Amino acid sequence: MKKFLTILISVVVIVTVIYFSFIYFVTFSEGVRSGELIKISKKGVLFKTWEGEISQGISGAQIFSFSVEDKHKDVIIDLEKYQGRYVKLNYIERYKTLFWLGDSKYFVTKVTEEQSPHFKLN
């Protein structure tokens, strides 16, 4: 019985580690989105995560929600600096959300300021 429990617990631990490793390290997609940065905030009760939104249309009907991992300090600083401006976000999409990393499946890895196509300067 003791040997069975040891094997069972080992299998459960190994399967759990493989599952979370897959969700974290294997990305579903990578992409780029652009829009007006309308929100960046650190929120949460137990786990504080960086969450943000960009508006991809004039009416604000298309909102793209994203998360930023704490290890991307330069991205967080740039997002705070570009608040209210038009930005381009490079992101990865994971298969599932991990509650200690963020609310979204989309994680921003790079941000650059862009010129808005709606208000071009001549």
PDB file of N, CA and C in Angstrom:
ATOM      1  N   MET A   1       0.826  -1.202   0.000  1.00  0.00           N
ATOM      2  CA  MET A   1       0.000   0.000   0.000  1.00  0.00           C
ATOM      3  C   MET A   1       0.866   1.262   0.000  1.00  0.00           C
ATOM      4  N   LYS A   2       1.947   1.226   0.784  1.00  0.00           N
ATOM      5  CA  LYS A   2       2.833   2.382   0.862  1.00  0.00           C
ATOM      6  C   LYS A   2       3.502   2.641  -0.493  1.00  0.00           C
ATOM      7  N   LYS A   3       3.905   1.587  -1.173  1.00  0.00           N
ATOM      8  CA  LYS A   3       4.531   1.713  -2.486  1.00  0.00           C
ATOM      9  C   LYS A   3       3.540   2.275  -3.506  1.00  0.00           C
ATOM     10  N   PHE A   4       2.299   1.835  -3.449  1.00  0.00           N
ATOM     11  CA  PHE A   4       1.259   2.328  -4.348  1.00  0.00           C
ATOM     12  C   PHE A   4       1.028   3.822  -4.148  1.00  0.00           C
ATOM     13  N   LEU A   5       0.931   4.264  -2.887  1.00  0.00           N
ATOM     14  CA  LEU A   5       0.730   5.690  -2.600  1.00  0.00           C
ATOM     15  C   LEU A   5       1.914   6.526  -3.085  1.00  0.00           C
ATOM     16  N   THR A   6       3.125   6.020  -2.892  1.00  0.00           N
ATOM     17  CA  THR A   6       4.313   6.735  -3.348  1.00  0.00           C
ATOM     18  C   THR A   6       4.296   6.902  -4.865  1.00  0.00           C
ATOM     19  N   ILE A   7       3.961   5.841  -5.568  1.00  0.00           N
ATOM     20  CA  ILE A   7       3.888   5.901  -7.028  1.00  0.00           C
ATOM     21  C   ILE A   7       2.769   6.837  -7.471  1.00  0.00           C
ATOM     22  N   LEU A   8       1.610   6.750  -6.836  1.00  0.00           N
ATOM     23  CA  LEU A   8       0.475   7.608  -7.181  1.00  0.00           C
ATOM     24  C   LEU A   8       0.807   9.084  -6.976  1.00  0.00           C
ATOM     25  N   ILE A   9       1.397   9.410  -5.840  1.00  0.00           N
ATOM     26  CA  ILE A   9       1.755  10.803  -5.552  1.00  0.00           C
ATOM     27  C   ILE A   9       2.814  11.288  -6.545  1.00  0.00           C
ATOM     28  N   SER A  10       3.782  10.440  -6.859  1.00  0.00           N
ATOM     29  CA  SER A  10       4.822  10.808  -7.830  1.00  0.00           C
ATOM     30  C   SER A  10       4.229  11.086  -9.203  1.00  0.00           C
ATOM     31  N   VAL A  11       3.307  10.239  -9.630  1.00  0.00           N
ATOM     32  CA  VAL A  11       2.664  10.431 -10.931  1.00  0.00           C
ATOM     33  C   VAL A  11       1.860  11.729 -10.953  1.00  0.00           C
ATOM     34  N   VAL A  12       1.120  12.006  -9.889  1.00  0.00           N
ATOM     35  CA  VAL A  12       0.324  13.237  -9.812  1.00  0.00           C
ATOM     36  C   VAL A  12       1.236  14.466  -9.870  1.00  0.00           C
ATOM     37  N   VAL A  13       2.341  14.436  -9.137  1.00  0.00           N
ATOM     38  CA  VAL A  13       3.274  15.565  -9.134  1.00  0.00           C
ATOM     39  C   VAL A  13       3.891  15.753 -10.522  1.00  0.00           C
ATOM     40  N   ILE A  14       4.315  14.683 -11.151  1.00  0.00           N
ATOM     41  CA  ILE A  14       4.934  14.767 -12.478  1.00  0.00           C
ATOM     42  C   ILE A  14       3.942  15.294 -13.515  1.00  0.00           C
ATOM     43  N   VAL A  15       2.718  14.794 -13.485  1.00  0.00           N
ATOM     44  CA  VAL A  15       1.697  15.259 -14.430  1.00  0.00           C
ATOM     45  C   VAL A  15       1.399  16.745 -14.210  1.00  0.00           C
ATOM     46  N   THR A  16       1.334  17.171 -12.952  1.00  0.00           N
ATOM     47  CA  THR A  16       1.073  18.580 -12.637  1.00  0.00           C
ATOM     48  C   THR A  16       2.206  19.473 -13.151  1.00  0.00           C
ATOM     49  N   VAL A  17       3.440  19.054 -12.924  1.00  0.00           N
ATOM     50  CA  VAL A  17       4.591  19.832 -13.392  1.00  0.00           C
ATOM     51  C   VAL A  17       4.595  19.914 -14.920  1.00  0.00           C
ATOM     52  N   ILE A  18       4.326  18.818 -15.589  1.00  0.00           N
ATOM     53  CA  ILE A  18       4.281  18.812 -17.055  1.00  0.00           C
ATOM     54  C   ILE A  18       3.164  19.721 -17.564  1.00  0.00           C
ATOM     55  N   TYR A  19       1.995  19.675 -16.936  1.00  0.00           N
ATOM     56  CA  TYR A  19       0.852  20.495 -17.350  1.00  0.00           C
ATOM     57  C   TYR A  19       1.180  21.984 -17.251  1.00  0.00           C
ATOM     58  N   PHE A  20       1.670  22.419 -16.075  1.00  0.00           N
ATOM     59  CA  PHE A  20       1.949  23.840 -15.896  1.00  0.00           C
ATOM     60  C   PHE A  20       3.146  24.295 -16.731  1.00  0.00           C
ATOM     61  N   SER A  21       4.118  23.424 -16.940  1.00  0.00           N
ATOM     62  CA  SER A  21       5.245  23.763 -17.817  1.00  0.00           C
ATOM     63  C   SER A  21       4.766  23.969 -19.249  1.00  0.00           C
ATOM     64  N   PHE A  22       3.881  23.113 -19.700  1.00  0.00           N
ATOM     65  CA  PHE A  22       3.329  23.244 -21.049  1.00  0.00           C
ATOM     66  C   PHE A  22       2.572  24.559 -21.196  1.00  0.00           C
ATOM     67  N   ILE A  23       1.713  24.855 -20.233  1.00  0.00           N
ATOM     68  CA  ILE A  23       0.908  26.080 -20.314  1.00  0.00           C
ATOM     69  C   ILE A  23       1.794  27.326 -20.288  1.00  0.00           C
ATOM     70  N   TYR A  24       2.876  27.301 -19.500  1.00  0.00           N
ATOM     71  CA  TYR A  24       3.724  28.480 -19.378  1.00  0.00           C
ATOM     72  C   TYR A  24       4.681  28.640 -20.566  1.00  0.00           C
ATOM     73  N   PHE A  25       5.356  27.574 -20.961  1.00  0.00           N
ATOM     74  CA  PHE A  25       6.427  27.686 -21.949  1.00  0.00           C
ATOM     75  C   PHE A  25       5.974  27.538 -23.397  1.00  0.00           C
ATOM     76  N   VAL A  26       4.869  26.853 -23.654  1.00  0.00           N
ATOM     77  CA  VAL A  26       4.402  26.655 -25.022  1.00  0.00           C
ATOM     78  C   VAL A  26       3.355  27.724 -25.334  1.00  0.00           C
ATOM     79  N   THR A  27       3.630  28.538 -26.355  1.00  0.00           N
ATOM     80  CA  THR A  27       2.692  29.611 -26.698  1.00  0.00           C
ATOM     81  C   THR A  27       1.749  29.151 -27.801  1.00  0.00           C
ATOM     82  N   PHE A  28       0.525  29.637 -27.716  1.00  0.00           N
ATOM     83  CA  PHE A  28      -0.496  29.327 -28.714  1.00  0.00           C
ATOM     84  C   PHE A  28      -0.287  30.161 -29.966  1.00  0.00           C
ATOM     85  N   SER A  29       0.028  31.445 -29.768  1.00  0.00           N
ATOM     86  CA  SER A  29       0.288  32.328 -30.905  1.00  0.00           C
ATOM     87  C   SER A  29       1.140  33.508 -30.462  1.00  0.00           C
ATOM     88  N   GLU A  30       1.709  34.192 -31.443  1.00  0.00           N
ATOM     89  CA  GLU A  30       2.438  35.436 -31.230  1.00  0.00           C
ATOM     90  C   GLU A  30       1.876  36.447 -32.205  1.00  0.00           C
ATOM     91  N   GLY A  31       1.855  37.707 -31.806  1.00  0.00           N
ATOM     92  CA  GLY A  31       1.296  38.690 -32.711  1.00  0.00           C
ATOM     93  C   GLY A  31       1.592  40.113 -32.314  1.00  0.00           C
ATOM     94  N   VAL A  32       1.005  41.023 -33.072  1.00  0.00           N
ATOM     95  CA  VAL A  32       1.158  42.460 -32.866  1.00  0.00           C
ATOM     96  C   VAL A  32      -0.222  43.085 -32.949  1.00  0.00           C
ATOM     97  N   ARG A  33      -0.508  43.964 -32.032  1.00  0.00           N
ATOM     98  CA  ARG A  33      -1.750  44.753 -32.086  1.00  0.00           C
ATOM     99  C   ARG A  33      -1.397  46.199 -31.796  1.00  0.00           C
ATOM    100  N   SER A  34      -2.201  47.093 -32.333  1.00  0.00           N
ATOM    101  CA  SER A  34      -1.965  48.508 -32.076  1.00  0.00           C
ATOM    102  C   SER A  34      -3.277  49.193 -31.746  1.00  0.00           C
ATOM    103  N   GLY A  35      -3.157  50.257 -30.998  1.00  0.00           N
ATOM    104  CA  GLY A  35      -4.316  51.034 -30.595  1.00  0.00           C
ATOM    105  C   GLY A  35      -3.930  52.049 -29.540  1.00  0.00           C
ATOM    106  N   GLU A  36      -4.930  52.771 -29.069  1.00  0.00           N
ATOM    107  CA  GLU A  36      -4.696  53.777 -28.039  1.00  0.00           C
ATOM    108  C   GLU A  36      -4.675  53.102 -26.679  1.00  0.00           C
ATOM    109  N   LEU A  37      -3.592  53.303 -25.943  1.00  0.00           N
ATOM    110  CA  LEU A  37      -3.453  52.720 -24.608  1.00  0.00           C
ATOM    111  C   LEU A  37      -4.383  53.458 -23.654  1.00  0.00           C
ATOM    112  N   ILE A  38      -5.402  52.766 -23.165  1.00  0.00           N
ATOM    113  CA  ILE A  38      -6.386  53.428 -22.310  1.00  0.00           C
ATOM    114  C   ILE A  38      -6.274  53.021 -20.850  1.00  0.00           C
ATOM    115  N   LYS A  39      -5.519  51.943 -20.557  1.00  0.00           N
ATOM    116  CA  LYS A  39      -5.426  51.528 -19.160  1.00  0.00           C
ATOM    117  C   LYS A  39      -4.189  50.672 -18.944  1.00  0.00           C
ATOM    118  N   ILE A  40      -3.483  50.939 -17.853  1.00  0.00           N
ATOM    119  CA  ILE A  40      -2.445  50.046 -17.344  1.00  0.00           C
ATOM    120  C   ILE A  40      -2.492  50.163 -15.825  1.00  0.00           C
ATOM    121  N   SER A  41      -2.660  49.033 -15.160  1.00  0.00           N
ATOM    122  CA  SER A  41      -2.767  49.072 -13.704  1.00  0.00           C
ATOM    123  C   SER A  41      -2.275  47.769 -13.103  1.00  0.00           C
ATOM    124  N   LYS A  42      -1.863  47.864 -11.848  1.00  0.00           N
ATOM    125  CA  LYS A  42      -1.459  46.690 -11.085  1.00  0.00           C
ATOM    126  C   LYS A  42      -2.605  46.380 -10.149  1.00  0.00           C
ATOM    127  N   LYS A  43      -3.182  45.177 -10.288  1.00  0.00           N
ATOM    128  CA  LYS A  43      -4.359  44.876  -9.483  1.00  0.00           C
ATOM    129  C   LYS A  43      -4.301  43.455  -8.950  1.00  0.00           C
ATOM    130  N   GLY A  44      -5.128  43.211  -7.958  1.00  0.00           N
ATOM    131  CA  GLY A  44      -5.215  41.888  -7.362  1.00  0.00           C
ATOM    132  C   GLY A  44      -5.195  41.973  -5.851  1.00  0.00           C
ATOM    133  N   VAL A  45      -5.727  40.949  -5.211  1.00  0.00           N
ATOM    134  CA  VAL A  45      -5.753  40.910  -3.755  1.00  0.00           C
ATOM    135  C   VAL A  45      -4.551  40.123  -3.239  1.00  0.00           C
ATOM    136  N   LEU A  46      -4.447  38.890  -3.635  1.00  0.00           N
ATOM    137  CA  LEU A  46      -3.362  38.029  -3.180  1.00  0.00           C
ATOM    138  C   LEU A  46      -2.155  38.102  -4.115  1.00  0.00           C
ATOM    139  N   PHE A  47      -2.404  38.056  -5.410  1.00  0.00           N
ATOM    140  CA  PHE A  47      -1.353  38.147  -6.425  1.00  0.00           C
ATOM    141  C   PHE A  47      -1.570  39.420  -7.234  1.00  0.00           C
ATOM    142  N   LYS A  48      -0.638  40.370  -7.133  1.00  0.00           N
ATOM    143  CA  LYS A  48      -0.719  41.618  -7.893  1.00  0.00           C
ATOM    144  C   LYS A  48      -0.184  41.384  -9.301  1.00  0.00           C
ATOM    145  N   THR A  49      -1.002  41.678 -10.300  1.00  0.00           N
ATOM    146  CA  THR A  49      -0.601  41.494 -11.693  1.00  0.00           C
ATOM    147  C   THR A  49      -0.831  42.785 -12.470  1.00  0.00           C
ATOM    148  N   TRP A  50      -0.028  42.987 -13.508  1.00  0.00           N
ATOM    149  CA  TRP A  50      -0.167  44.157 -14.374  1.00  0.00           C
ATOM    150  C   TRP A  50      -1.151  43.837 -15.483  1.00  0.00           C
ATOM    151  N   GLU A  51      -2.209  44.639 -15.578  1.00  0.00           N
ATOM    152  CA  GLU A  51      -3.263  44.451 -16.578  1.00  0.00           C
ATOM    153  C   GLU A  51      -3.430  45.751 -17.361  1.00  0.00           C
ATOM    154  N   GLY A  52      -3.726  45.635 -18.643  1.00  0.00           N
ATOM    155  CA  GLY A  52      -3.911  46.818 -19.464  1.00  0.00           C
ATOM    156  C   GLY A  52      -4.914  46.595 -20.571  1.00  0.00           C
ATOM    157  N   GLU A  53      -5.276  47.693 -21.226  1.00  0.00           N
ATOM    158  CA  GLU A  53      -6.227  47.647 -22.340  1.00  0.00           C
ATOM    159  C   GLU A  53      -5.820  48.676 -23.385  1.00  0.00           C
ATOM    160  N   ILE A  54      -6.028  48.300 -24.651  1.00  0.00           N
ATOM    161  CA  ILE A  54      -5.910  49.280 -25.725  1.00  0.00           C
ATOM    162  C   ILE A  54      -7.224  49.297 -26.487  1.00  0.00           C
ATOM    163  N   SER A  55      -7.578  50.486 -26.979  1.00  0.00           N
ATOM    164  CA  SER A  55      -8.761  50.652 -27.816  1.00  0.00           C
ATOM    165  C   SER A  55      -8.302  50.587 -29.263  1.00  0.00           C
ATOM    166  N   GLN A  56      -8.920  49.683 -30.033  1.00  0.00           N
ATOM    167  CA  GLN A  56      -8.509  49.490 -31.419  1.00  0.00           C
ATOM    168  C   GLN A  56      -9.441  50.155 -32.424  1.00  0.00           C
ATOM    169  N   GLY A  57     -10.336  50.981 -31.947  1.00  0.00           N
ATOM    170  CA  GLY A  57     -11.247  51.669 -32.853  1.00  0.00           C
ATOM    171  C   GLY A  57     -11.592  53.034 -32.317  1.00  0.00           C
ATOM    172  N   ILE A  58     -12.155  53.863 -33.169  1.00  0.00           N
ATOM    173  CA  ILE A  58     -12.518  55.212 -32.749  1.00  0.00           C
ATOM    174  C   ILE A  58     -13.628  55.176 -31.710  1.00  0.00           C
ATOM    175  N   SER A  59     -14.584  54.274 -31.881  1.00  0.00           N
ATOM    176  CA  SER A  59     -15.722  54.230 -30.961  1.00  0.00           C
ATOM    177  C   SER A  59     -15.394  53.538 -29.648  1.00  0.00           C
ATOM    178  N   GLY A  60     -14.272  52.857 -29.573  1.00  0.00           N
ATOM    179  CA  GLY A  60     -13.931  52.136 -28.353  1.00  0.00           C
ATOM    180  C   GLY A  60     -14.633  50.801 -28.237  1.00  0.00           C
ATOM    181  N   ALA A  61     -15.257  50.360 -29.326  1.00  0.00           N
ATOM    182  CA  ALA A  61     -15.988  49.092 -29.288  1.00  0.00           C
ATOM    183  C   ALA A  61     -15.049  47.890 -29.261  1.00  0.00           C
ATOM    184  N   GLN A  62     -13.862  48.048 -29.812  1.00  0.00           N
ATOM    185  CA  GLN A  62     -12.905  46.951 -29.815  1.00  0.00           C
ATOM    186  C   GLN A  62     -11.826  47.214 -28.777  1.00  0.00           C
ATOM    187  N   ILE A  63     -11.922  46.522 -27.659  1.00  0.00           N
ATOM    188  CA  ILE A  63     -10.958  46.653 -26.577  1.00  0.00           C
ATOM    189  C   ILE A  63     -10.129  45.379 -26.516  1.00  0.00           C
ATOM    190  N   PHE A  64      -8.813  45.523 -26.503  1.00  0.00           N
ATOM    191  CA  PHE A  64      -7.898  44.388 -26.371  1.00  0.00           C
ATOM    192  C   PHE A  64      -7.314  44.426 -24.967  1.00  0.00           C
ATOM    193  N   SER A  65      -7.621  43.408 -24.173  1.00  0.00           N
ATOM    194  CA  SER A  65      -7.107  43.307 -22.810  1.00  0.00           C
ATOM    195  C   SER A  65      -5.861  42.433 -22.800  1.00  0.00           C
ATOM    196  N   PHE A  66      -4.886  42.828 -21.988  1.00  0.00           N
ATOM    197  CA  PHE A  66      -3.627  42.096 -21.934  1.00  0.00           C
ATOM    198  C   PHE A  66      -3.034  42.143 -20.530  1.00  0.00           C
ATOM    199  N   SER A  67      -2.059  41.293 -20.306  1.00  0.00           N
ATOM    200  CA  SER A  67      -1.312  41.253 -19.055  1.00  0.00           C
ATOM    201  C   SER A  67       0.164  41.454 -19.365  1.00  0.00           C
ATOM    202  N   VAL A  68       0.923  41.847 -18.336  1.00  0.00           N
ATOM    203  CA  VAL A  68       2.372  41.992 -18.462  1.00  0.00           C
ATOM    204  C   VAL A  68       3.003  41.284 -17.271  1.00  0.00           C
ATOM    205  N   GLU A  69       3.957  40.408 -17.546  1.00  0.00           N
ATOM    206  CA  GLU A  69       4.651  39.720 -16.463  1.00  0.00           C
ATOM    207  C   GLU A  69       5.587  40.688 -15.752  1.00  0.00           C
ATOM    208  N   ASP A  70       5.788  40.478 -14.442  1.00  0.00           N
ATOM    209  CA  ASP A  70       6.655  41.347 -13.649  1.00  0.00           C
ATOM    210  C   ASP A  70       8.094  41.377 -14.157  1.00  0.00           C
ATOM    211  N   LYS A  71       8.534  40.320 -14.824  1.00  0.00           N
ATOM    212  CA  LYS A  71       9.924  40.280 -15.297  1.00  0.00           C
ATOM    213  C   LYS A  71      10.179  41.254 -16.444  1.00  0.00           C
ATOM    214  N   HIS A  72       9.144  41.777 -17.078  1.00  0.00           N
ATOM    215  CA  HIS A  72       9.287  42.743 -18.179  1.00  0.00           C
ATOM    216  C   HIS A  72       9.153  44.171 -17.637  1.00  0.00           C
ATOM    217  N   LYS A  73      10.102  44.572 -16.794  1.00  0.00           N
ATOM    218  CA  LYS A  73      10.066  45.895 -16.151  1.00  0.00           C
ATOM    219  C   LYS A  73      10.106  47.028 -17.177  1.00  0.00           C
ATOM    220  N   ASP A  74      10.901  46.865 -18.231  1.00  0.00           N
ATOM    221  CA  ASP A  74      11.005  47.918 -19.245  1.00  0.00           C
ATOM    222  C   ASP A  74       9.681  48.118 -19.976  1.00  0.00           C
ATOM    223  N   VAL A  75       8.937  47.046 -20.198  1.00  0.00           N
ATOM    224  CA  VAL A  75       7.622  47.147 -20.844  1.00  0.00           C
ATOM    225  C   VAL A  75       6.653  47.889 -19.929  1.00  0.00           C
ATOM    226  N   ILE A  76       6.675  47.584 -18.640  1.00  0.00           N
ATOM    227  CA  ILE A  76       5.784  48.246 -17.676  1.00  0.00           C
ATOM    228  C   ILE A  76       6.084  49.744 -17.630  1.00  0.00           C
ATOM    229  N   ILE A  77       7.358  50.097 -17.585  1.00  0.00           N
ATOM    230  CA  ILE A  77       7.748  51.513 -17.555  1.00  0.00           C
ATOM    231  C   ILE A  77       7.286  52.224 -18.826  1.00  0.00           C
ATOM    232  N   ASP A  78       7.490  51.586 -19.986  1.00  0.00           N
ATOM    233  CA  ASP A  78       7.060  52.193 -21.254  1.00  0.00           C
ATOM    234  C   ASP A  78       5.544  52.342 -21.324  1.00  0.00           C
ATOM    235  N   LEU A  79       4.807  51.350 -20.858  1.00  0.00           N
ATOM    236  CA  LEU A  79       3.342  51.438 -20.873  1.00  0.00           C
ATOM    237  C   LEU A  79       2.852  52.586 -20.002  1.00  0.00           C
ATOM    238  N   GLU A  80       3.468  52.769 -18.835  1.00  0.00           N
ATOM    239  CA  GLU A  80       3.087  53.899 -17.980  1.00  0.00           C
ATOM    240  C   GLU A  80       3.414  55.223 -18.662  1.00  0.00           C
ATOM    241  N   LYS A  81       4.526  55.264 -19.392  1.00  0.00           N
ATOM    242  CA  LYS A  81       4.944  56.492 -20.089  1.00  0.00           C
ATOM    243  C   LYS A  81       4.026  56.808 -21.271  1.00  0.00           C
ATOM    244  N   TYR A  82       3.540  55.778 -21.974  1.00  0.00           N
ATOM    245  CA  TYR A  82       2.731  55.964 -23.176  1.00  0.00           C
ATOM    246  C   TYR A  82       1.229  55.999 -22.907  1.00  0.00           C
ATOM    247  N   GLN A  83       0.819  56.104 -21.677  1.00  0.00           N
ATOM    248  CA  GLN A  83      -0.604  56.146 -21.329  1.00  0.00           C
ATOM    249  C   GLN A  83      -1.320  57.224 -22.142  1.00  0.00           C
ATOM    250  N   GLY A  84      -2.417  56.841 -22.821  1.00  0.00           N
ATOM    251  CA  GLY A  84      -3.198  57.776 -23.616  1.00  0.00           C
ATOM    252  C   GLY A  84      -2.689  57.978 -25.035  1.00  0.00           C
ATOM    253  N   ARG A  85      -1.593  57.330 -25.379  1.00  0.00           N
ATOM    254  CA  ARG A  85      -1.014  57.471 -26.718  1.00  0.00           C
ATOM    255  C   ARG A  85      -1.279  56.216 -27.554  1.00  0.00           C
ATOM    256  N   TYR A  86      -0.987  56.326 -28.835  1.00  0.00           N
ATOM    257  CA  TYR A  86      -1.155  55.202 -29.760  1.00  0.00           C
ATOM    258  C   TYR A  86       0.104  54.339 -29.690  1.00  0.00           C
ATOM    259  N   VAL A  87      -0.063  53.041 -29.428  1.00  0.00           N
ATOM    260  CA  VAL A  87       1.072  52.140 -29.251  1.00  0.00           C
ATOM    261  C   VAL A  87       0.908  50.868 -30.077  1.00  0.00           C
ATOM    262  N   LYS A  88       2.030  50.205 -30.318  1.00  0.00           N
ATOM    263  CA  LYS A  88       2.032  48.885 -30.949  1.00  0.00           C
ATOM    264  C   LYS A  88       2.546  47.897 -29.911  1.00  0.00           C
ATOM    265  N   LEU A  89       1.786  46.818 -29.670  1.00  0.00           N
ATOM    266  CA  LEU A  89       2.138  45.812 -28.676  1.00  0.00           C
ATOM    267  C   LEU A  89       2.518  44.506 -29.357  1.00  0.00           C
ATOM    268  N   ASN A  90       3.674  43.968 -29.000  1.00  0.00           N
ATOM    269  CA  ASN A  90       4.037  42.609 -29.386  1.00  0.00           C
ATOM    270  C   ASN A  90       3.629  41.715 -28.221  1.00  0.00           C
ATOM    271  N   TYR A  91       2.967  40.603 -28.528  1.00  0.00           N
ATOM    272  CA  TYR A  91       2.459  39.762 -27.446  1.00  0.00           C
ATOM    273  C   TYR A  91       2.565  38.283 -27.798  1.00  0.00           C
ATOM    274  N   ILE A  92       2.451  37.467 -26.749  1.00  0.00           N
ATOM    275  CA  ILE A  92       2.299  36.024 -26.920  1.00  0.00           C
ATOM    276  C   ILE A  92       0.965  35.631 -26.299  1.00  0.00           C
ATOM    277  N   GLU A  93       0.350  34.613 -26.872  1.00  0.00           N
ATOM    278  CA  GLU A  93      -0.909  34.098 -26.327  1.00  0.00           C
ATOM    279  C   GLU A  93      -0.646  32.703 -25.786  1.00  0.00           C
ATOM    280  N   ARG A  94      -1.050  32.493 -24.545  1.00  0.00           N
ATOM    281  CA  ARG A  94      -0.895  31.177 -23.930  1.00  0.00           C
ATOM    282  C   ARG A  94      -2.202  30.404 -24.051  1.00  0.00           C
ATOM    283  N   TYR A  95      -2.124  29.102 -23.840  1.00  0.00           N
ATOM    284  CA  TYR A  95      -3.305  28.252 -23.943  1.00  0.00           C
ATOM    285  C   TYR A  95      -4.327  28.550 -22.852  1.00  0.00           C
ATOM    286  N   LYS A  96      -3.866  28.864 -21.673  1.00  0.00           N
ATOM    287  CA  LYS A  96      -4.757  29.145 -20.538  1.00  0.00           C
ATOM    288  C   LYS A  96      -4.189  30.311 -19.745  1.00  0.00           C
ATOM    289  N   THR A  97      -5.025  30.871 -18.889  1.00  0.00           N
ATOM    290  CA  THR A  97      -4.552  31.910 -17.984  1.00  0.00           C
ATOM    291  C   THR A  97      -3.956  31.252 -16.750  1.00  0.00           C
ATOM    292  N   LEU A  98      -2.946  31.894 -16.191  1.00  0.00           N
ATOM    293  CA  LEU A  98      -2.348  31.465 -14.934  1.00  0.00           C
ATOM    294  C   LEU A  98      -2.603  32.590 -13.942  1.00  0.00           C
ATOM    295  N   PHE A  99      -3.409  32.325 -12.927  1.00  0.00           N
ATOM    296  CA  PHE A  99      -3.911  33.397 -12.063  1.00  0.00           C
ATOM    297  C   PHE A  99      -2.806  34.196 -11.387  1.00  0.00           C
ATOM    298  N   TRP A 100      -1.650  33.636 -11.180  1.00  0.00           N
ATOM    299  CA  TRP A 100      -0.574  34.375 -10.537  1.00  0.00           C
ATOM    300  C   TRP A 100       0.220  35.223 -11.533  1.00  0.00           C
ATOM    301  N   LEU A 101      -0.046  35.067 -12.832  1.00  0.00           N
ATOM    302  CA  LEU A 101       0.636  35.873 -13.849  1.00  0.00           C
ATOM    303  C   LEU A 101      -0.241  36.971 -14.429  1.00  0.00           C
ATOM    304  N   GLY A 102      -1.559  36.745 -14.494  1.00  0.00           N
ATOM    305  CA  GLY A 102      -2.441  37.761 -15.059  1.00  0.00           C
ATOM    306  C   GLY A 102      -3.812  37.221 -15.377  1.00  0.00           C
ATOM    307  N   ASP A 103      -4.735  38.131 -15.685  1.00  0.00           N
ATOM    308  CA  ASP A 103      -6.122  37.767 -15.983  1.00  0.00           C
ATOM    309  C   ASP A 103      -6.321  37.348 -17.434  1.00  0.00           C
ATOM    310  N   SER A 104      -5.397  37.686 -18.288  1.00  0.00           N
ATOM    311  CA  SER A 104      -5.560  37.477 -19.723  1.00  0.00           C
ATOM    312  C   SER A 104      -4.652  36.354 -20.221  1.00  0.00           C
ATOM    313  N   LYS A 105      -5.004  35.805 -21.388  1.00  0.00           N
ATOM    314  CA  LYS A 105      -4.131  34.835 -22.056  1.00  0.00           C
ATOM    315  C   LYS A 105      -3.072  35.546 -22.892  1.00  0.00           C
ATOM    316  N   TYR A 106      -3.210  36.857 -23.059  1.00  0.00           N
ATOM    317  CA  TYR A 106      -2.300  37.644 -23.890  1.00  0.00           C
ATOM    318  C   TYR A 106      -1.279  38.359 -22.998  1.00  0.00           C
ATOM    319  N   PHE A 107       0.011  38.109 -23.238  1.00  0.00           N
ATOM    320  CA  PHE A 107       1.078  38.697 -22.434  1.00  0.00           C
ATOM    321  C   PHE A 107       1.978  39.535 -23.330  1.00  0.00           C
ATOM    322  N   VAL A 108       2.066  40.827 -23.018  1.00  0.00           N
ATOM    323  CA  VAL A 108       2.847  41.767 -23.821  1.00  0.00           C
ATOM    324  C   VAL A 108       4.331  41.578 -23.524  1.00  0.00           C
ATOM    325  N   THR A 109       5.135  41.516 -24.587  1.00  0.00           N
ATOM    326  CA  THR A 109       6.581  41.352 -24.449  1.00  0.00           C
ATOM    327  C   THR A 109       7.357  42.586 -24.901  1.00  0.00           C
ATOM    328  N   LYS A 110       6.704  43.464 -25.682  1.00  0.00           N
ATOM    329  CA  LYS A 110       7.373  44.666 -26.183  1.00  0.00           C
ATOM    330  C   LYS A 110       6.321  45.710 -26.523  1.00  0.00           C
ATOM    331  N   VAL A 111       6.655  46.974 -26.303  1.00  0.00           N
ATOM    332  CA  VAL A 111       5.744  48.065 -26.648  1.00  0.00           C
ATOM    333  C   VAL A 111       6.539  49.181 -27.325  1.00  0.00           C
ATOM    334  N   THR A 112       5.961  49.743 -28.385  1.00  0.00           N
ATOM    335  CA  THR A 112       6.566  50.888 -29.058  1.00  0.00           C
ATOM    336  C   THR A 112       5.478  51.911 -29.342  1.00  0.00           C
ATOM    337  N   GLU A 113       5.871  53.186 -29.279  1.00  0.00           N
ATOM    338  CA  GLU A 113       4.911  54.250 -29.589  1.00  0.00           C
ATOM    339  C   GLU A 113       4.805  54.381 -31.103  1.00  0.00           C
ATOM    340  N   GLU A 114       3.580  54.539 -31.584  1.00  0.00           N
ATOM    341  CA  GLU A 114       3.303  54.665 -33.011  1.00  0.00           C
ATOM    342  C   GLU A 114       2.504  55.936 -33.253  1.00  0.00           C
ATOM    343  N   GLN A 115       2.439  56.351 -34.511  1.00  0.00           N
ATOM    344  CA  GLN A 115       1.582  57.475 -34.882  1.00  0.00           C
ATOM    345  C   GLN A 115       0.178  56.950 -35.138  1.00  0.00           C
ATOM    346  N   SER A 116      -0.811  57.619 -34.613  1.00  0.00           N
ATOM    347  CA  SER A 116      -2.201  57.212 -34.798  1.00  0.00           C
ATOM    348  C   SER A 116      -2.624  57.387 -36.251  1.00  0.00           C
ATOM    349  N   PRO A 117      -3.266  56.375 -36.840  1.00  0.00           N
ATOM    350  CA  PRO A 117      -3.754  56.528 -38.215  1.00  0.00           C
ATOM    351  C   PRO A 117      -4.974  57.445 -38.292  1.00  0.00           C
ATOM    352  N   HIS A 118      -5.589  57.720 -37.153  1.00  0.00           N
ATOM    353  CA  HIS A 118      -6.789  58.553 -37.115  1.00  0.00           C
ATOM    354  C   HIS A 118      -6.456  60.043 -37.090  1.00  0.00           C
ATOM    355  N   PHE A 119      -5.306  60.385 -36.506  1.00  0.00           N
ATOM    356  CA  PHE A 119      -4.933  61.786 -36.357  1.00  0.00           C
ATOM    357  C   PHE A 119      -3.531  61.990 -36.912  1.00  0.00           C
ATOM    358  N   LYS A 120      -3.391  61.920 -38.215  1.00  0.00           N
ATOM    359  CA  LYS A 120      -2.076  62.068 -38.843  1.00  0.00           C
ATOM    360  C   LYS A 120      -1.663  63.529 -38.869  1.00  0.00           C
ATOM    361  N   LEU A 121      -0.382  63.732 -38.570  1.00  0.00           N
ATOM    362  CA  LEU A 121       0.180  65.078 -38.645  1.00  0.00           C
ATOM    363  C   LEU A 121       0.802  65.268 -40.020  1.00  0.00           C
ATOM    364  N   ASN A 122       0.484  66.385 -40.673  1.00  0.00           N
ATOM    365  CA  ASN A 122       1.040  66.650 -42.013  1.00  0.00           C
ATOM    366  C   ASN A 122       2.165  67.633 -41.945  1.00  0.00           C
TER     367      ASN A 122
END
